[in-house]
Amino acid sequence: MSDAKKITWGKPRHPTDADRDALRDDLLTKARAVRSEGWADYRTEWTAGQVAVVAYVLGDADVLAECEENEGMVLSRYAADLFGFIKGRKDIEAGLVGTQAWFDTVRKALGNTSA
């Protein structure tokens, strides 16, 4: 038997409402910036994932396609950020209902209910 120690990953992270509020506020700030100034400065400043999620919120299918992303990829990635690994995985298995509902509230706050 090996003397190797078992890896301990620590306590699983459980995002709070405050964590989700901070994610929403950051996303709203980014989406409003793109709405008022366009994509030019942000496409190179932000990570590809940040560009994709803002494009998703804004309903910008062209930018989302340029990022080689789709709705399912954006939602799947955000599920864990919103709910933690275990609950995020359960939301993915349930069809991302909770994650979609959260994004609906972001769009409503942005004034973009048609996306």
C-alpha atoms as a PDB file:
ATOM      1  CA  MET A   1       0.000   0.000   0.000  1.00  0.00           C
ATOM      2  CA  SER A   2       1.240   3.470  -0.863  1.00  0.00           C
ATOM      3  CA  ASP A   3       2.218   6.033   1.748  1.00  0.00           C
ATOM      4  CA  ALA A   4       0.846   8.813  -0.442  1.00  0.00           C
ATOM      5  CA  LYS A   5      -1.444  11.236   1.326  1.00  0.00           C
ATOM      6  CA  LYS A   6      -5.036  11.576   0.214  1.00  0.00           C
ATOM      7  CA  ILE A   7      -5.671  14.839  -1.598  1.00  0.00           C
ATOM      8  CA  THR A   8      -7.983  17.128   0.298  1.00  0.00           C
ATOM      9  CA  TRP A   9      -9.645  19.737  -1.847  1.00  0.00           C
ATOM     10  CA  GLY A  10     -11.014  21.679   1.089  1.00  0.00           C
ATOM     11  CA  LYS A  11     -14.557  22.702   1.760  1.00  0.00           C
ATOM     12  CA  PRO A  12     -16.758  22.959  -1.294  1.00  0.00           C
ATOM     13  CA  ARG A  13     -17.714  26.513  -2.132  1.00  0.00           C
ATOM     14  CA  HIS A  14     -21.371  27.398  -1.724  1.00  0.00           C
ATOM     15  CA  PRO A  15     -22.058  30.739  -3.398  1.00  0.00           C
ATOM     16  CA  THR A  16     -24.361  33.003  -1.437  1.00  0.00           C
ATOM     17  CA  ASP A  17     -27.009  35.427  -2.610  1.00  0.00           C
ATOM     18  CA  ALA A  18     -24.380  38.151  -2.145  1.00  0.00           C
ATOM     19  CA  ASP A  19     -22.017  36.247  -4.471  1.00  0.00           C
ATOM     20  CA  ARG A  20     -24.760  35.944  -7.098  1.00  0.00           C
ATOM     21  CA  ASP A  21     -25.609  39.637  -6.680  1.00  0.00           C
ATOM     22  CA  ALA A  22     -21.955  40.527  -7.275  1.00  0.00           C
ATOM     23  CA  LEU A  23     -21.890  38.367 -10.433  1.00  0.00           C
ATOM     24  CA  ARG A  24     -25.092  40.029 -11.645  1.00  0.00           C
ATOM     25  CA  ASP A  25     -23.764  43.528 -10.950  1.00  0.00           C
ATOM     26  CA  ASP A  26     -20.514  42.801 -12.796  1.00  0.00           C
ATOM     27  CA  LEU A  27     -22.380  41.333 -15.748  1.00  0.00           C
ATOM     28  CA  LEU A  28     -24.783  44.283 -15.881  1.00  0.00           C
ATOM     29  CA  THR A  29     -21.874  46.738 -15.817  1.00  0.00           C
ATOM     30  CA  LYS A  30     -20.189  44.933 -18.704  1.00  0.00           C
ATOM     31  CA  ALA A  31     -23.388  44.629 -20.746  1.00  0.00           C
ATOM     32  CA  ARG A  32     -24.213  48.317 -20.272  1.00  0.00           C
ATOM     33  CA  ALA A  33     -20.686  49.273 -21.321  1.00  0.00           C
ATOM     34  CA  VAL A  34     -21.026  47.293 -24.556  1.00  0.00           C
ATOM     35  CA  ARG A  35     -24.450  48.775 -25.213  1.00  0.00           C
ATOM     36  CA  SER A  36     -23.160  52.318 -24.873  1.00  0.00           C
ATOM     37  CA  GLU A  37     -19.654  51.976 -26.357  1.00  0.00           C
ATOM     38  CA  GLY A  38     -19.737  48.879 -28.558  1.00  0.00           C
ATOM     39  CA  TRP A  39     -17.486  45.827 -28.447  1.00  0.00           C
ATOM     40  CA  ALA A  40     -14.258  47.357 -29.798  1.00  0.00           C
ATOM     41  CA  ASP A  41     -12.418  47.974 -26.530  1.00  0.00           C
ATOM     42  CA  TYR A  42     -13.799  44.987 -24.658  1.00  0.00           C
ATOM     43  CA  ARG A  43     -13.176  42.132 -27.073  1.00  0.00           C
ATOM     44  CA  THR A  44      -9.460  42.213 -26.290  1.00  0.00           C
ATOM     45  CA  GLU A  45      -9.721  43.410 -22.672  1.00  0.00           C
ATOM     46  CA  TRP A  46     -12.025  40.655 -21.416  1.00  0.00           C
ATOM     47  CA  THR A  47     -11.516  36.906 -21.443  1.00  0.00           C
ATOM     48  CA  ALA A  48     -13.312  34.895 -24.121  1.00  0.00           C
ATOM     49  CA  GLY A  49     -15.679  33.586 -21.452  1.00  0.00           C
ATOM     50  CA  GLN A  50     -16.571  37.100 -20.319  1.00  0.00           C
ATOM     51  CA  VAL A  51     -17.191  38.201 -23.898  1.00  0.00           C
ATOM     52  CA  ALA A  52     -19.380  35.141 -24.492  1.00  0.00           C
ATOM     53  CA  VAL A  53     -21.530  35.659 -21.408  1.00  0.00           C
ATOM     54  CA  VAL A  54     -22.050  39.350 -22.186  1.00  0.00           C
ATOM     55  CA  ALA A  55     -22.929  38.451 -25.770  1.00  0.00           C
ATOM     56  CA  TYR A  56     -25.392  35.878 -24.444  1.00  0.00           C
ATOM     57  CA  VAL A  57     -27.061  38.423 -22.138  1.00  0.00           C
ATOM     58  CA  LEU A  58     -27.257  40.959 -24.947  1.00  0.00           C
ATOM     59  CA  GLY A  59     -28.582  38.383 -27.391  1.00  0.00           C
ATOM     60  CA  ASP A  60     -25.620  39.002 -29.721  1.00  0.00           C
ATOM     61  CA  ALA A  61     -25.561  35.736 -31.643  1.00  0.00           C
ATOM     62  CA  ASP A  62     -22.789  36.908 -33.980  1.00  0.00           C
ATOM     63  CA  VAL A  63     -20.305  37.605 -31.179  1.00  0.00           C
ATOM     64  CA  LEU A  64     -21.310  34.402 -29.409  1.00  0.00           C
ATOM     65  CA  ALA A  65     -20.595  32.458 -32.610  1.00  0.00           C
ATOM     66  CA  GLU A  66     -17.261  34.247 -33.055  1.00  0.00           C
ATOM     67  CA  CYS A  67     -16.348  33.044 -29.549  1.00  0.00           C
ATOM     68  CA  GLU A  68     -17.282  29.526 -30.680  1.00  0.00           C
ATOM     69  CA  GLU A  69     -19.786  29.357 -27.836  1.00  0.00           C
ATOM     70  CA  ASN A  70     -23.478  28.627 -27.628  1.00  0.00           C
ATOM     71  CA  GLU A  71     -26.182  29.089 -25.026  1.00  0.00           C
ATOM     72  CA  GLY A  72     -25.631  25.674 -23.454  1.00  0.00           C
ATOM     73  CA  MET A  73     -21.917  26.271 -23.007  1.00  0.00           C
ATOM     74  CA  VAL A  74     -22.439  29.655 -21.346  1.00  0.00           C
ATOM     75  CA  LEU A  75     -25.171  28.352 -19.067  1.00  0.00           C
ATOM     76  CA  SER A  76     -23.249  25.211 -18.107  1.00  0.00           C
ATOM     77  CA  ARG A  77     -20.171  27.234 -17.189  1.00  0.00           C
ATOM     78  CA  TYR A  78     -22.183  29.677 -15.098  1.00  0.00           C
ATOM     79  CA  ALA A  79     -24.179  27.029 -13.214  1.00  0.00           C
ATOM     80  CA  ALA A  80     -21.261  26.233 -10.908  1.00  0.00           C
ATOM     81  CA  ASP A  81     -20.448  29.925 -10.420  1.00  0.00           C
ATOM     82  CA  LEU A  82     -24.027  30.554  -9.351  1.00  0.00           C
ATOM     83  CA  PHE A  83     -24.760  27.492  -7.254  1.00  0.00           C
ATOM     84  CA  GLY A  84     -21.470  25.746  -6.477  1.00  0.00           C
ATOM     85  CA  PHE A  85     -20.165  22.524  -7.959  1.00  0.00           C
ATOM     86  CA  ILE A  86     -22.739  20.077  -6.606  1.00  0.00           C
ATOM     87  CA  LYS A  87     -25.856  22.240  -7.001  1.00  0.00           C
ATOM     88  CA  GLY A  88     -24.568  23.517 -10.335  1.00  0.00           C
ATOM     89  CA  ARG A  89     -24.209  19.953 -11.553  1.00  0.00           C
ATOM     90  CA  LYS A  90     -27.741  19.199 -10.405  1.00  0.00           C
ATOM     91  CA  ASP A  91     -28.996  22.258 -12.272  1.00  0.00           C
ATOM     92  CA  ILE A  92     -27.219  21.038 -15.419  1.00  0.00           C
ATOM     93  CA  GLU A  93     -28.866  17.626 -15.023  1.00  0.00           C
ATOM     94  CA  ALA A  94     -32.245  19.351 -14.563  1.00  0.00           C
ATOM     95  CA  GLY A  95     -31.842  21.273 -17.815  1.00  0.00           C
ATOM     96  CA  LEU A  96     -30.265  24.450 -16.379  1.00  0.00           C
ATOM     97  CA  VAL A  97     -33.620  25.764 -15.183  1.00  0.00           C
ATOM     98  CA  GLY A  98     -32.154  27.688 -12.229  1.00  0.00           C
ATOM     99  CA  THR A  99     -29.345  29.149 -14.298  1.00  0.00           C
ATOM    100  CA  GLN A 100     -31.735  30.236 -17.057  1.00  0.00           C
ATOM    101  CA  ALA A 101     -34.013  31.847 -14.468  1.00  0.00           C
ATOM    102  CA  TRP A 102     -31.054  33.769 -13.035  1.00  0.00           C
ATOM    103  CA  PHE A 103     -30.093  35.051 -16.487  1.00  0.00           C
ATOM    104  CA  ASP A 104     -33.716  36.095 -17.048  1.00  0.00           C
ATOM    105  CA  THR A 105     -33.452  38.333 -13.973  1.00  0.00           C
ATOM    106  CA  VAL A 106     -30.224  39.826 -15.355  1.00  0.00           C
ATOM    107  CA  ARG A 107     -31.892  40.563 -18.681  1.00  0.00           C
ATOM    108  CA  LYS A 108     -34.878  42.080 -16.926  1.00  0.00           C
ATOM    109  CA  ALA A 109     -32.597  44.364 -14.883  1.00  0.00           C
ATOM    110  CA  LEU A 110     -30.831  45.306 -18.117  1.00  0.00           C
ATOM    111  CA  GLY A 111     -34.126  45.996 -19.834  1.00  0.00           C
ATOM    112  CA  ASN A 112     -33.555  43.247 -22.396  1.00  0.00           C
ATOM    113  CA  THR A 113     -36.403  40.783 -22.041  1.00  0.00           C
ATOM    114  CA  SER A 114     -36.442  39.808 -25.723  1.00  0.00           C
ATOM    115  CA  ALA A 115     -33.082  37.988 -25.710  1.00  0.00           C
END
